[in-house]
Amino acid sequence: MAKYLWPRYPSLPIISLKPQQMKNLTKWIATVATAAAMFFSVNVKAQINVESPWHLDFGIEGGIPTGVLHTSPAYSKFELGGTARLQYGVNKNVALTFASGYYSFFATQAAKDRGGESFGVVPVKAGARAFVSDNIYVAGEVGVGFETQYTKVKKLILSPGIGWTDKSLDIGLSYENFSRYGSYGLIALRLGYGFSL
């Protein structure tokens, strides 16, 4: 039967809990409090990161080789790659970038018949972006490309580009020139997804 706190206030029952029930209730309250604290701390961090100048994205790209790779008979007609790009916003209109990843140039059958094979390049590039509007930018990058087959030549990379970006997506069109000991180029379309750090 329910016990009452005071006889003159019969509508206020006293709930008596056994020690085990009290222990379980304490654990439940602690769990809820911890979850709430984590939720609010993550929410606050997300709000702070909106203003962070640092942004990281990961992208995949496909491209068409040019120059000596494309001359008849073409050595490669298609490139597929993936890159990570770190961006630092200097101000609203200018950002500095650092990117690296891997490009795979697929050999044509004609190249394979002559003893050729597909090869890769590891690009390491630094650059800048100038925003001409809230989402549209022009970009320039310079760096080194490390070929992974044959003589493993280090290529000088010069790359202008244009693109569109928002807080998550980045779509860019670029031309990359690989010079030193035989020059070739790459016209590539890149789709990236990123987030603020």
Protein backbone atom coordinates (compact mmCIF):
# COMPACT_ATOMS: atom_id res chain seq x y z
CA MET A 1 0.00 0.00 0.00
CA ALA A 2 1.10 3.55 -0.69
CA LYS A 3 2.36 5.51 2.26
CA TYR A 4 1.60 9.19 2.53
CA LEU A 5 4.00 11.93 3.41
CA TRP A 6 1.65 13.77 5.73
CA PRO A 7 -1.78 12.75 6.72
CA ARG A 8 -3.21 16.11 5.75
CA TYR A 9 -1.70 15.83 2.21
CA PRO A 10 -2.93 12.42 1.09
CA SER A 11 -2.26 13.26 -2.58
CA LEU A 12 1.55 13.20 -2.14
CA PRO A 13 2.71 9.56 -2.00
CA ILE A 14 6.14 8.51 -0.77
CA ILE A 15 7.77 6.05 -3.16
CA SER A 16 9.99 3.60 -1.34
CA LEU A 17 12.68 1.92 -3.43
CA LYS A 18 14.71 -1.14 -2.61
CA PRO A 19 18.53 -0.72 -2.60
CA GLN A 20 18.90 -2.55 -5.93
CA GLN A 21 16.19 -0.40 -7.53
CA MET A 22 17.87 2.75 -6.21
CA LYS A 23 21.20 1.59 -7.66
CA ASN A 24 19.63 0.93 -11.07
CA LEU A 25 17.90 4.32 -11.04
CA THR A 26 21.19 6.07 -10.19
CA LYS A 27 22.93 4.32 -13.09
CA TRP A 28 20.13 5.30 -15.45
CA ILE A 29 20.25 8.97 -14.39
CA ALA A 30 24.06 9.00 -14.76
CA THR A 31 23.80 7.49 -18.25
CA VAL A 32 21.23 10.07 -19.37
CA ALA A 33 23.29 12.93 -17.90
CA THR A 34 26.44 11.68 -19.67
CA ALA A 35 24.64 11.34 -23.00
CA ALA A 36 23.19 14.84 -22.66
CA ALA A 37 26.61 16.30 -21.83
CA MET A 38 28.19 14.58 -24.86
CA PHE A 39 25.40 15.81 -27.14
CA PHE A 40 25.77 19.41 -26.02
CA SER A 41 29.59 19.33 -26.21
CA VAL A 42 29.47 17.92 -29.78
CA ASN A 43 26.86 20.52 -30.72
CA VAL A 44 29.01 23.34 -29.35
CA LYS A 45 32.09 21.98 -31.17
CA ALA A 46 30.15 21.80 -34.44
CA GLN A 47 29.07 25.41 -34.04
CA ILE A 48 32.67 26.46 -33.39
CA ASN A 49 33.93 24.51 -36.44
CA VAL A 50 31.62 26.46 -38.73
CA GLU A 51 34.06 29.35 -38.29
CA SER A 52 37.20 27.20 -38.57
CA PRO A 53 39.58 28.25 -41.38
CA TRP A 54 40.71 24.62 -41.83
CA HIS A 55 38.91 22.33 -44.26
CA LEU A 56 39.76 18.79 -45.40
CA ASP A 57 38.26 16.97 -48.37
CA PHE A 58 38.74 13.67 -50.13
CA GLY A 59 38.06 13.36 -53.83
CA ILE A 60 38.02 11.07 -56.81
CA GLU A 61 38.87 12.22 -60.30
CA GLY A 62 38.89 11.03 -63.86
CA GLY A 63 40.93 12.55 -66.64
CA ILE A 64 42.18 12.51 -70.21
CA PRO A 65 45.97 12.46 -70.70
CA THR A 66 47.50 14.92 -73.19
CA GLY A 67 50.93 15.51 -74.71
CA VAL A 68 53.23 12.56 -75.39
CA LEU A 69 50.80 10.16 -73.70
CA HIS A 70 48.09 11.06 -76.20
CA THR A 71 50.09 11.21 -79.46
CA SER A 72 49.34 8.48 -81.98
CA PRO A 73 49.53 5.68 -81.10
CA ALA A 74 48.27 6.84 -77.70
CA TYR A 75 50.03 5.40 -74.66
CA SER A 76 47.14 6.23 -72.31
CA LYS A 77 43.64 7.53 -72.90
CA PHE A 78 42.29 7.53 -69.34
CA GLU A 79 43.43 8.42 -65.84
CA LEU A 80 41.72 7.65 -62.54
CA GLY A 81 42.91 9.01 -59.23
CA GLY A 82 42.13 9.97 -55.69
CA THR A 83 43.43 12.87 -53.61
CA ALA A 84 43.13 14.46 -50.21
CA ARG A 85 43.24 18.26 -49.99
CA LEU A 86 43.82 20.38 -46.90
CA GLN A 87 42.66 23.99 -47.18
CA TYR A 88 43.35 26.98 -44.97
CA GLY A 89 41.15 30.05 -45.41
CA VAL A 90 43.32 33.17 -45.16
CA ASN A 91 40.23 35.35 -45.49
CA LYS A 92 36.84 35.24 -47.18
CA ASN A 93 38.32 35.44 -50.68
CA VAL A 94 41.64 33.56 -50.51
CA ALA A 95 42.58 30.05 -49.35
CA LEU A 96 45.86 28.13 -49.34
CA THR A 97 45.85 24.44 -50.27
CA PHE A 98 48.01 21.35 -49.89
CA ALA A 99 47.12 18.16 -51.76
CA SER A 100 48.46 14.67 -52.36
CA GLY A 101 47.16 11.34 -53.57
CA TYR A 102 47.63 8.90 -56.43
CA TYR A 103 46.99 9.04 -60.20
CA SER A 104 46.80 5.88 -62.29
CA PHE A 105 47.39 6.21 -66.05
CA PHE A 106 45.97 3.16 -67.83
CA ALA A 107 48.02 1.88 -70.79
CA THR A 108 46.23 1.29 -74.09
CA GLN A 109 46.42 -2.04 -75.88
CA ALA A 110 48.75 -0.44 -78.42
CA ALA A 111 51.13 0.52 -75.62
CA LYS A 112 50.96 -2.96 -74.10
CA ASP A 113 51.74 -4.50 -77.50
CA ARG A 114 54.97 -2.46 -77.49
CA GLY A 115 55.89 -3.66 -73.99
CA GLY A 116 54.36 -0.73 -72.10
CA GLU A 117 52.20 -0.93 -69.00
CA SER A 118 50.03 1.28 -66.81
CA PHE A 119 51.87 3.58 -64.44
CA GLY A 120 51.16 5.80 -61.47
CA VAL A 121 52.10 9.24 -60.23
CA VAL A 122 52.07 10.45 -56.62
CA PRO A 123 51.46 14.22 -56.70
CA VAL A 124 52.48 16.51 -53.84
CA LYS A 125 51.16 20.02 -54.49
CA ALA A 126 50.72 23.38 -52.77
CA GLY A 127 48.56 26.16 -54.12
CA ALA A 128 46.00 28.87 -53.63
CA ARG A 129 42.36 29.56 -54.42
CA ALA A 130 40.80 32.93 -55.15
CA PHE A 131 37.03 33.06 -54.75
CA VAL A 132 35.29 35.21 -57.35
CA SER A 133 31.94 34.60 -55.62
CA ASP A 134 30.71 32.72 -52.53
CA ASN A 135 31.07 29.35 -54.29
CA ILE A 136 33.14 29.80 -57.47
CA TYR A 137 36.93 29.88 -57.40
CA VAL A 138 39.99 29.93 -59.64
CA ALA A 139 43.00 27.97 -58.45
CA GLY A 140 46.66 27.40 -59.10
CA GLU A 141 48.96 24.65 -57.79
CA VAL A 142 52.64 23.81 -58.11
CA GLY A 143 54.37 20.67 -56.94
CA VAL A 144 56.25 17.47 -57.66
CA GLY A 145 54.92 14.26 -59.19
CA PHE A 146 56.71 11.02 -58.32
CA GLU A 147 56.35 8.41 -61.07
CA THR A 148 56.04 4.91 -59.62
CA GLN A 149 57.31 2.84 -62.58
CA TYR A 150 60.31 2.73 -64.92
CA THR A 151 62.90 5.40 -64.11
CA LYS A 152 60.73 6.87 -61.34
CA VAL A 153 61.28 10.40 -62.62
CA LYS A 154 60.26 13.36 -60.48
CA LYS A 155 58.00 15.64 -62.55
CA LEU A 156 57.40 19.33 -62.05
CA ILE A 157 53.63 19.91 -61.79
CA LEU A 158 51.94 23.18 -62.77
CA SER A 159 48.17 23.18 -62.53
CA PRO A 160 45.56 25.91 -63.12
CA GLY A 161 41.90 25.16 -62.45
CA ILE A 162 38.40 26.40 -61.75
CA GLY A 163 35.72 25.00 -59.49
CA TRP A 164 32.59 25.25 -57.41
CA THR A 165 32.41 24.45 -53.71
CA ASP A 166 30.18 24.71 -50.65
CA LYS A 167 30.63 23.47 -47.07
CA SER A 168 30.72 19.82 -48.16
CA LEU A 169 31.02 19.36 -51.93
CA ASP A 170 33.85 20.43 -54.20
CA ILE A 171 33.70 20.09 -58.00
CA GLY A 172 36.77 21.16 -59.93
CA LEU A 173 38.10 21.12 -63.48
CA SER A 174 41.86 21.40 -63.87
CA TYR A 175 44.76 21.00 -66.26
CA GLU A 176 48.00 19.53 -64.89
CA ASN A 177 51.27 19.74 -66.77
CA PHE A 178 53.98 17.19 -65.88
CA SER A 179 57.32 18.40 -67.22
CA ARG A 180 60.97 17.25 -67.03
CA TYR A 181 62.32 14.32 -69.08
CA GLY A 182 59.30 14.13 -71.36
CA SER A 183 56.23 16.27 -70.84
CA TYR A 184 52.62 15.24 -70.72
CA GLY A 185 49.43 16.69 -69.31
CA LEU A 186 46.11 15.81 -67.80
CA ILE A 187 42.66 17.38 -68.10
CA ALA A 188 40.73 16.15 -65.07
CA LEU A 189 37.34 16.51 -63.39
CA ARG A 190 37.40 16.03 -59.60
CA LEU A 191 34.51 15.43 -57.20
CA GLY A 192 35.34 15.86 -53.52
CA TYR A 193 33.53 15.67 -50.20
CA GLY A 194 34.90 17.47 -47.16
CA PHE A 195 34.36 18.95 -43.72
CA SER A 196 35.72 21.63 -41.41
CA LEU A 197 38.36 20.67 -38.86
